[in-house]
Amino acid sequence: MQGYGPRGGVAAIALLGLLMLSGCGLLTDQGTPDRIVIPSTEDLSTETKPSTLSATSTTERSHSNDVPSEWSYERVIKSAPRVSNSEYQIGASAADGSREDVSGYHFTSADREIRCSTGNNGANALTCASDEVNGPANPPANEDAGCSWDRDLAVLSGDGVSRGACDNRYSVLFRSRSIPSGSTIAIARFACLSQDSGLYCVESDSGSGFALTDDGFSEIRADERAPESLTGVESESSSSTSASRVVSTR
């Protein structure tokens, strides 16, 4: 029993302490797991989330109300077969003058009663000459003294439509090629449909336009419903069953 007396108890306690210290050392050197690093939220926030918007989403839908209706002037005019613009850069400066290649674009209606020019004088406007225009006999009071007034000119631009203009400012050439009936010419913001009855023109920025027909001159709007003479459709209710009657074709 002496081996298990007070002196033996002290030795046992010392041995136990040594074993515990050795165990702690082993845990410290070998068993301690690596430090866990938690990713910062800033790193995660820089990741790009997959897009849930289709290619025809917000921007295009926001302009859906600007799309011309099925039977609007603009839709009917632009749906007709188009002529090649390159054929309409020829004209003469006088009715009996020689034709030559010129800048800008110049054309006449199918019946050759209406002459039009655009882009030849830097005015950024479409000007058509016809006896049907019948504008004011005299120029506006604020017009400059050098104006050579012509009441038979109709001018279409981003500012709208006006009747009567200075022919030395908005010149219209002669002897240009005619556009076949049922065809359209499209020049930048302008588009004109030639018909046996006359000419229909619109400008896309302002939505303005005019018609020069057997009934005379009239202002039109690009988004207005075109007449039955152009669409072949009597009313909206019959439009779904009368598409084959549309005069202008794709």
C-alpha atoms as a PDB file:
ATOM      1  CA  MET A   1       0.000   0.000   0.000  1.00  0.00           C
ATOM      2  CA  GLN A   2       3.026   2.263   0.379  1.00  0.00           C
ATOM      3  CA  GLY A   3       3.297   2.572  -3.364  1.00  0.00           C
ATOM      4  CA  TYR A   4      -0.113   4.114  -3.362  1.00  0.00           C
ATOM      5  CA  GLY A   5       0.470   6.546  -0.485  1.00  0.00           C
ATOM      6  CA  PRO A   6       0.681  10.326  -0.693  1.00  0.00           C
ATOM      7  CA  ARG A   7       3.935  10.250  -2.618  1.00  0.00           C
ATOM      8  CA  GLY A   8       2.491   7.818  -5.169  1.00  0.00           C
ATOM      9  CA  GLY A   9      -0.621   9.991  -5.536  1.00  0.00           C
ATOM     10  CA  VAL A  10       1.465  13.005  -6.339  1.00  0.00           C
ATOM     11  CA  ALA A  11       3.380  11.054  -8.942  1.00  0.00           C
ATOM     12  CA  ALA A  12       0.179   9.838 -10.525  1.00  0.00           C
ATOM     13  CA  ILE A  13      -1.224  13.348 -10.697  1.00  0.00           C
ATOM     14  CA  ALA A  14       2.009  14.602 -12.241  1.00  0.00           C
ATOM     15  CA  LEU A  15       1.914  11.835 -14.842  1.00  0.00           C
ATOM     16  CA  LEU A  16      -1.686  12.605 -15.684  1.00  0.00           C
ATOM     17  CA  GLY A  17      -0.833  16.288 -16.121  1.00  0.00           C
ATOM     18  CA  LEU A  18       2.040  15.406 -18.424  1.00  0.00           C
ATOM     19  CA  LEU A  19      -0.214  13.280 -20.588  1.00  0.00           C
ATOM     20  CA  MET A  20      -2.799  16.104 -20.828  1.00  0.00           C
ATOM     21  CA  LEU A  21      -0.140  18.612 -21.816  1.00  0.00           C
ATOM     22  CA  SER A  22       1.183  16.244 -24.435  1.00  0.00           C
ATOM     23  CA  GLY A  23      -2.333  15.763 -25.781  1.00  0.00           C
ATOM     24  CA  CYS A  24      -2.861  19.499 -26.014  1.00  0.00           C
ATOM     25  CA  GLY A  25       0.379  19.828 -27.894  1.00  0.00           C
ATOM     26  CA  LEU A  26      -0.685  17.207 -30.382  1.00  0.00           C
ATOM     27  CA  LEU A  27      -3.996  18.947 -30.990  1.00  0.00           C
ATOM     28  CA  THR A  28      -2.243  22.236 -31.423  1.00  0.00           C
ATOM     29  CA  ASP A  29       0.327  20.953 -33.879  1.00  0.00           C
ATOM     30  CA  GLN A  30      -1.645  18.314 -35.766  1.00  0.00           C
ATOM     31  CA  GLY A  31      -5.335  18.197 -34.938  1.00  0.00           C
ATOM     32  CA  THR A  32      -6.413  21.804 -35.016  1.00  0.00           C
ATOM     33  CA  PRO A  33      -8.510  22.442 -38.193  1.00  0.00           C
ATOM     34  CA  ASP A  34      -7.584  25.310 -40.511  1.00  0.00           C
ATOM     35  CA  ARG A  35      -9.283  28.644 -39.914  1.00  0.00           C
ATOM     36  CA  ILE A  36     -12.660  28.857 -41.698  1.00  0.00           C
ATOM     37  CA  VAL A  37     -12.811  31.882 -43.980  1.00  0.00           C
ATOM     38  CA  ILE A  38     -16.298  33.273 -44.605  1.00  0.00           C
ATOM     39  CA  PRO A  39     -16.575  35.001 -48.006  1.00  0.00           C
ATOM     40  CA  SER A  40     -17.492  38.634 -47.742  1.00  0.00           C
ATOM     41  CA  THR A  41     -20.868  39.786 -49.057  1.00  0.00           C
ATOM     42  CA  GLU A  42     -19.090  42.343 -51.247  1.00  0.00           C
ATOM     43  CA  ASP A  43     -17.514  39.582 -53.311  1.00  0.00           C
ATOM     44  CA  LEU A  44     -20.887  37.968 -53.878  1.00  0.00           C
ATOM     45  CA  SER A  45     -22.537  41.227 -54.866  1.00  0.00           C
ATOM     46  CA  THR A  46     -20.216  41.659 -57.827  1.00  0.00           C
ATOM     47  CA  GLU A  47     -21.519  38.540 -59.527  1.00  0.00           C
ATOM     48  CA  THR A  48     -23.770  39.131 -62.528  1.00  0.00           C
ATOM     49  CA  LYS A  49     -27.213  37.655 -62.223  1.00  0.00           C
ATOM     50  CA  PRO A  50     -28.681  35.878 -65.246  1.00  0.00           C
ATOM     51  CA  SER A  51     -30.954  38.165 -67.217  1.00  0.00           C
ATOM     52  CA  THR A  52     -34.636  37.277 -67.163  1.00  0.00           C
ATOM     53  CA  LEU A  53     -35.610  39.726 -69.937  1.00  0.00           C
ATOM     54  CA  SER A  54     -36.114  38.544 -73.482  1.00  0.00           C
ATOM     55  CA  ALA A  55     -34.660  40.344 -76.505  1.00  0.00           C
ATOM     56  CA  THR A  56     -38.016  42.006 -77.194  1.00  0.00           C
ATOM     57  CA  SER A  57     -38.640  43.271 -73.699  1.00  0.00           C
ATOM     58  CA  THR A  58     -38.934  46.663 -72.043  1.00  0.00           C
ATOM     59  CA  THR A  59     -37.593  49.026 -74.703  1.00  0.00           C
ATOM     60  CA  GLU A  60     -39.393  47.540 -77.680  1.00  0.00           C
ATOM     61  CA  ARG A  61     -42.670  47.119 -75.861  1.00  0.00           C
ATOM     62  CA  SER A  62     -42.542  50.765 -74.764  1.00  0.00           C
ATOM     63  CA  HIS A  63     -42.823  51.758 -78.446  1.00  0.00           C
ATOM     64  CA  SER A  64     -45.565  49.298 -79.335  1.00  0.00           C
ATOM     65  CA  ASN A  65     -48.156  52.073 -79.480  1.00  0.00           C
ATOM     66  CA  ASP A  66     -46.136  53.795 -82.209  1.00  0.00           C
ATOM     67  CA  VAL A  67     -46.520  50.897 -84.647  1.00  0.00           C
ATOM     68  CA  PRO A  68     -48.890  51.933 -87.439  1.00  0.00           C
ATOM     69  CA  SER A  69     -52.249  50.179 -87.447  1.00  0.00           C
ATOM     70  CA  GLU A  70     -52.959  47.689 -90.196  1.00  0.00           C
ATOM     71  CA  TRP A  71     -54.909  50.128 -92.350  1.00  0.00           C
ATOM     72  CA  SER A  72     -53.130  53.406 -91.588  1.00  0.00           C
ATOM     73  CA  TYR A  73     -51.750  55.609 -94.356  1.00  0.00           C
ATOM     74  CA  GLU A  74     -48.193  54.855 -93.258  1.00  0.00           C
ATOM     75  CA  ARG A  75     -48.706  51.098 -93.220  1.00  0.00           C
ATOM     76  CA  VAL A  76     -50.461  51.039 -96.602  1.00  0.00           C
ATOM     77  CA  ILE A  77     -47.867  53.322 -98.229  1.00  0.00           C
ATOM     78  CA  LYS A  78     -44.865  51.429 -96.890  1.00  0.00           C
ATOM     79  CA  SER A  79     -46.362  48.008 -97.627  1.00  0.00           C
ATOM     80  CA  ALA A  80     -46.579  48.656-101.362  1.00  0.00           C
ATOM     81  CA  PRO A  81     -43.825  47.370-103.691  1.00  0.00           C
ATOM     82  CA  ARG A  82     -40.879  49.776-103.670  1.00  0.00           C
ATOM     83  CA  VAL A  83     -39.055  51.198-106.627  1.00  0.00           C
ATOM     84  CA  SER A  84     -35.270  51.490-106.684  1.00  0.00           C
ATOM     85  CA  ASN A  85     -34.194  54.960-105.614  1.00  0.00           C
ATOM     86  CA  SER A  86     -31.178  54.818-107.918  1.00  0.00           C
ATOM     87  CA  GLU A  87     -33.503  55.213-110.907  1.00  0.00           C
ATOM     88  CA  TYR A  88     -34.791  58.557-109.662  1.00  0.00           C
ATOM     89  CA  GLN A  89     -31.684  60.745-109.713  1.00  0.00           C
ATOM     90  CA  ILE A  90     -32.300  62.229-113.111  1.00  0.00           C
ATOM     91  CA  GLY A  91     -34.131  65.378-114.169  1.00  0.00           C
ATOM     92  CA  ALA A  92     -34.084  68.699-115.986  1.00  0.00           C
ATOM     93  CA  SER A  93     -34.068  72.244-114.685  1.00  0.00           C
ATOM     94  CA  ALA A  94     -36.676  73.321-117.266  1.00  0.00           C
ATOM     95  CA  ALA A  95     -39.696  71.718-118.867  1.00  0.00           C
ATOM     96  CA  ASP A  96     -37.930  71.591-122.233  1.00  0.00           C
ATOM     97  CA  GLY A  97     -34.435  71.111-120.839  1.00  0.00           C
ATOM     98  CA  SER A  98     -32.131  68.151-121.230  1.00  0.00           C
ATOM     99  CA  ARG A  99     -32.254  65.445-118.607  1.00  0.00           C
ATOM    100  CA  GLU A 100     -29.088  64.694-116.708  1.00  0.00           C
ATOM    101  CA  ASP A 101     -27.889  62.926-113.581  1.00  0.00           C
ATOM    102  CA  VAL A 102     -28.482  65.132-110.564  1.00  0.00           C
ATOM    103  CA  SER A 103     -28.225  65.042-106.781  1.00  0.00           C
ATOM    104  CA  GLY A 104     -31.296  64.329-104.685  1.00  0.00           C
ATOM    105  CA  TYR A 105     -34.302  62.302-105.801  1.00  0.00           C
ATOM    106  CA  HIS A 106     -36.940  63.346-108.310  1.00  0.00           C
ATOM    107  CA  PHE A 107     -40.104  61.639-109.508  1.00  0.00           C
ATOM    108  CA  THR A 108     -43.562  62.146-110.932  1.00  0.00           C
ATOM    109  CA  SER A 109     -46.866  60.473-110.220  1.00  0.00           C
ATOM    110  CA  ALA A 110     -48.129  57.689-112.461  1.00  0.00           C
ATOM    111  CA  ASP A 111     -50.219  60.154-114.512  1.00  0.00           C
ATOM    112  CA  ARG A 112     -47.276  62.630-114.638  1.00  0.00           C
ATOM    113  CA  GLU A 113     -49.474  65.407-113.270  1.00  0.00           C
ATOM    114  CA  ILE A 114     -47.425  65.773-110.072  1.00  0.00           C
ATOM    115  CA  ARG A 115     -43.687  66.521-109.922  1.00  0.00           C
ATOM    116  CA  CYS A 116     -41.660  66.000-106.725  1.00  0.00           C
ATOM    117  CA  SER A 117     -38.075  66.603-105.604  1.00  0.00           C
ATOM    118  CA  THR A 118     -36.186  66.038-102.387  1.00  0.00           C
ATOM    119  CA  GLY A 119     -32.639  66.493-101.162  1.00  0.00           C
ATOM    120  CA  ASN A 120     -31.416  68.588-104.082  1.00  0.00           C
ATOM    121  CA  ASN A 121     -31.185  71.938-102.301  1.00  0.00           C
ATOM    122  CA  GLY A 122     -30.254  71.076 -98.716  1.00  0.00           C
ATOM    123  CA  ALA A 123     -33.699  72.015 -97.450  1.00  0.00           C
ATOM    124  CA  ASN A 124     -34.315  68.508 -96.039  1.00  0.00           C
ATOM    125  CA  ALA A 125     -37.863  68.563 -97.351  1.00  0.00           C
ATOM    126  CA  LEU A 126     -40.023  66.892 -99.977  1.00  0.00           C
ATOM    127  CA  THR A 127     -41.563  69.387-102.389  1.00  0.00           C
ATOM    128  CA  CYS A 128     -44.248  68.529-104.936  1.00  0.00           C
ATOM    129  CA  ALA A 129     -45.691  70.749-107.654  1.00  0.00           C
ATOM    130  CA  SER A 130     -49.300  70.402-108.809  1.00  0.00           C
ATOM    131  CA  ASP A 131     -52.143  72.642-109.912  1.00  0.00           C
ATOM    132  CA  GLU A 132     -54.221  70.888-107.254  1.00  0.00           C
ATOM    133  CA  VAL A 133     -52.241  72.446-104.389  1.00  0.00           C
ATOM    134  CA  ASN A 134     -53.710  75.913-104.886  1.00  0.00           C
ATOM    135  CA  GLY A 135     -52.007  77.583-101.930  1.00  0.00           C
ATOM    136  CA  PRO A 136     -52.222  81.253-100.900  1.00  0.00           C
ATOM    137  CA  ALA A 137     -51.883  83.702-103.764  1.00  0.00           C
ATOM    138  CA  ASN A 138     -49.258  85.724-101.888  1.00  0.00           C
ATOM    139  CA  PRO A 139     -46.379  84.761 -99.594  1.00  0.00           C
ATOM    140  CA  PRO A 140     -46.634  85.247 -95.810  1.00  0.00           C
ATOM    141  CA  ALA A 141     -45.958  88.760 -94.581  1.00  0.00           C
ATOM    142  CA  ASN A 142     -42.739  87.656 -92.867  1.00  0.00           C
ATOM    143  CA  GLU A 143     -41.277  86.113 -96.045  1.00  0.00           C
ATOM    144  CA  ASP A 144     -38.136  87.796 -97.360  1.00  0.00           C
ATOM    145  CA  ALA A 145     -38.282  90.026-100.424  1.00  0.00           C
ATOM    146  CA  GLY A 146     -36.185  87.647-102.518  1.00  0.00           C
ATOM    147  CA  CYS A 147     -38.845  84.918-102.421  1.00  0.00           C
ATOM    148  CA  SER A 148     -40.224  83.791-105.788  1.00  0.00           C
ATOM    149  CA  TRP A 149     -43.616  82.615-104.570  1.00  0.00           C
ATOM    150  CA  ASP A 150     -45.322  79.616-106.151  1.00  0.00           C
ATOM    151  CA  ARG A 151     -48.767  78.735-104.849  1.00  0.00           C
ATOM    152  CA  ASP A 152     -48.673  75.334-106.566  1.00  0.00           C
ATOM    153  CA  LEU A 153     -45.982  73.891-104.301  1.00  0.00           C
ATOM    154  CA  ALA A 154     -46.664  71.562-101.347  1.00  0.00           C
ATOM    155  CA  VAL A 155     -43.775  71.194 -98.876  1.00  0.00           C
ATOM    156  CA  LEU A 156     -43.499  68.274 -96.446  1.00  0.00           C
ATOM    157  CA  SER A 157     -40.841  68.335 -93.703  1.00  0.00           C
ATOM    158  CA  GLY A 158     -40.296  67.569 -90.033  1.00  0.00           C
ATOM    159  CA  ASP A 159     -42.295  70.737 -89.293  1.00  0.00           C
ATOM    160  CA  GLY A 160     -45.372  69.422 -91.091  1.00  0.00           C
ATOM    161  CA  VAL A 161     -47.071  70.425 -94.347  1.00  0.00           C
ATOM    162  CA  SER A 162     -47.366  73.819 -95.996  1.00  0.00           C
ATOM    163  CA  ARG A 163     -49.026  74.972 -99.218  1.00  0.00           C
ATOM    164  CA  GLY A 164     -47.201  77.485-101.337  1.00  0.00           C
ATOM    165  CA  ALA A 165     -43.438  78.070-101.164  1.00  0.00           C
ATOM    166  CA  CYS A 166     -40.547  80.000-102.690  1.00  0.00           C
ATOM    167  CA  ASP A 167     -39.645  78.077-105.826  1.00  0.00           C
ATOM    168  CA  ASN A 168     -36.138  79.516-105.731  1.00  0.00           C
ATOM    169  CA  ARG A 169     -35.710  77.861-102.337  1.00  0.00           C
ATOM    170  CA  TYR A 170     -37.622  74.628-102.955  1.00  0.00           C
ATOM    171  CA  SER A 171     -36.884  73.802-106.563  1.00  0.00           C
ATOM    172  CA  VAL A 172     -38.691  70.924-108.247  1.00  0.00           C
ATOM    173  CA  LEU A 173     -37.093  69.424-111.346  1.00  0.00           C
ATOM    174  CA  PHE A 174     -38.820  68.494-114.601  1.00  0.00           C
ATOM    175  CA  ARG A 175     -38.798  65.369-116.768  1.00  0.00           C
ATOM    176  CA  SER A 176     -38.082  62.970-113.904  1.00  0.00           C
ATOM    177  CA  ARG A 177     -39.169  59.342-114.085  1.00  0.00           C
ATOM    178  CA  SER A 178     -42.683  58.376-113.064  1.00  0.00           C
ATOM    179  CA  ILE A 179     -43.485  55.874-110.314  1.00  0.00           C
ATOM    180  CA  PRO A 180     -45.741  53.052-111.550  1.00  0.00           C
ATOM    181  CA  SER A 181     -49.229  52.978-110.084  1.00  0.00           C
ATOM    182  CA  GLY A 182     -49.345  50.892-106.923  1.00  0.00           C
ATOM    183  CA  SER A 183     -45.659  51.434-106.115  1.00  0.00           C
ATOM    184  CA  THR A 184     -43.904  53.386-103.380  1.00  0.00           C
ATOM    185  CA  ILE A 185     -40.684  55.363-103.235  1.00  0.00           C
ATOM    186  CA  ALA A 186     -39.037  55.640 -99.788  1.00  0.00           C
ATOM    187  CA  ILE A 187     -36.368  58.302 -99.248  1.00  0.00           C
ATOM    188  CA  ALA A 188     -35.047  58.652 -95.700  1.00  0.00           C
ATOM    189  CA  ARG A 189     -38.031  59.861 -93.624  1.00  0.00           C
ATOM    190  CA  PHE A 190     -40.300  60.294 -96.666  1.00  0.00           C
ATOM    191  CA  ALA A 191     -42.475  57.733 -98.391  1.00  0.00           C
ATOM    192  CA  CYS A 192     -44.858  58.317-101.307  1.00  0.00           C
ATOM    193  CA  LEU A 193     -47.364  55.946-102.877  1.00  0.00           C
ATOM    194  CA  SER A 194     -48.272  56.527-106.524  1.00  0.00           C
ATOM    195  CA  GLN A 195     -51.788  55.605-107.642  1.00  0.00           C
ATOM    196  CA  ASP A 196     -53.872  56.227-110.754  1.00  0.00           C
ATOM    197  CA  SER A 197     -55.830  58.733-108.676  1.00  0.00           C
ATOM    198  CA  GLY A 198     -52.769  60.655-107.492  1.00  0.00           C
ATOM    199  CA  LEU A 199     -50.019  60.659-104.861  1.00  0.00           C
ATOM    200  CA  TYR A 200     -49.974  59.993-101.100  1.00  0.00           C
ATOM    201  CA  CYS A 201     -46.920  61.063 -99.059  1.00  0.00           C
ATOM    202  CA  VAL A 202     -45.985  60.887 -95.345  1.00  0.00           C
ATOM    203  CA  GLU A 203     -43.023  61.999 -93.240  1.00  0.00           C
ATOM    204  CA  SER A 204     -42.134  59.686 -90.339  1.00  0.00           C
ATOM    205  CA  ASP A 205     -40.743  62.183 -87.792  1.00  0.00           C
ATOM    206  CA  SER A 206     -43.732  64.516 -87.717  1.00  0.00           C
ATOM    207  CA  GLY A 207     -46.325  61.948 -88.802  1.00  0.00           C
ATOM    208  CA  SER A 208     -47.571  64.552 -91.285  1.00  0.00           C
ATOM    209  CA  GLY A 209     -48.450  64.030 -94.904  1.00  0.00           C
ATOM    210  CA  PHE A 210     -50.594  65.055 -97.834  1.00  0.00           C
ATOM    211  CA  ALA A 211     -52.659  63.552-100.606  1.00  0.00           C
ATOM    212  CA  LEU A 212     -52.790  65.014-104.101  1.00  0.00           C
ATOM    213  CA  THR A 213     -55.618  63.319-105.958  1.00  0.00           C
ATOM    214  CA  ASP A 214     -58.457  63.957-108.372  1.00  0.00           C
ATOM    215  CA  ASP A 215     -60.287  65.464-105.396  1.00  0.00           C
ATOM    216  CA  GLY A 216     -57.556  68.052-104.858  1.00  0.00           C
ATOM    217  CA  PHE A 217     -55.073  68.643-102.040  1.00  0.00           C
ATOM    218  CA  SER A 218     -55.641  67.422 -98.482  1.00  0.00           C
ATOM    219  CA  GLU A 219     -53.477  67.042 -95.410  1.00  0.00           C
ATOM    220  CA  ILE A 220     -53.298  63.556 -93.899  1.00  0.00           C
ATOM    221  CA  ARG A 221     -51.784  61.962 -90.815  1.00  0.00           C
ATOM    222  CA  ALA A 222     -49.539  58.912 -91.060  1.00  0.00           C
ATOM    223  CA  ASP A 223     -51.499  57.101 -88.341  1.00  0.00           C
ATOM    224  CA  GLU A 224     -54.928  57.905 -89.759  1.00  0.00           C
ATOM    225  CA  ARG A 225     -56.978  55.195 -91.421  1.00  0.00           C
ATOM    226  CA  ALA A 226     -56.447  55.174 -95.168  1.00  0.00           C
ATOM    227  CA  PRO A 227     -59.556  55.363 -97.387  1.00  0.00           C
ATOM    228  CA  GLU A 228     -61.237  52.339 -98.899  1.00  0.00           C
ATOM    229  CA  SER A 229     -59.794  53.292-102.288  1.00  0.00           C
ATOM    230  CA  LEU A 230     -56.358  52.334-100.935  1.00  0.00           C
ATOM    231  CA  THR A 231     -57.162  49.458 -98.597  1.00  0.00           C
ATOM    232  CA  GLY A 232     -60.182  47.882-100.272  1.00  0.00           C
ATOM    233  CA  VAL A 233     -61.644  47.521 -96.776  1.00  0.00           C
ATOM    234  CA  GLU A 234     -64.919  49.198 -95.879  1.00  0.00           C
ATOM    235  CA  SER A 235     -64.635  49.148 -92.079  1.00  0.00           C
ATOM    236  CA  GLU A 236     -62.573  47.835 -89.188  1.00  0.00           C
ATOM    237  CA  SER A 237     -65.053  45.025 -88.610  1.00  0.00           C
ATOM    238  CA  SER A 238     -64.485  43.639 -92.070  1.00  0.00           C
ATOM    239  CA  SER A 239     -60.703  44.075 -92.105  1.00  0.00           C
ATOM    240  CA  SER A 240     -60.000  40.560 -90.835  1.00  0.00           C
ATOM    241  CA  THR A 241     -61.894  38.973 -93.707  1.00  0.00           C
ATOM    242  CA  SER A 242     -60.880  41.355 -96.471  1.00  0.00           C
ATOM    243  CA  ALA A 243     -57.067  41.284 -96.401  1.00  0.00           C
ATOM    244  CA  SER A 244     -56.938  39.887 -99.920  1.00  0.00           C
ATOM    245  CA  ARG A 245     -58.612  43.035-101.221  1.00  0.00           C
ATOM    246  CA  VAL A 246     -55.828  45.406-100.113  1.00  0.00           C
ATOM    247  CA  VAL A 247     -54.526  47.346-103.091  1.00  0.00           C
ATOM    248  CA  SER A 248     -50.906  47.536-101.881  1.00  0.00           C
ATOM    249  CA  THR A 249     -49.159  44.211-101.560  1.00  0.00           C
ATOM    250  CA  ARG A 250     -45.962  43.031 -99.872  1.00  0.00           C
END
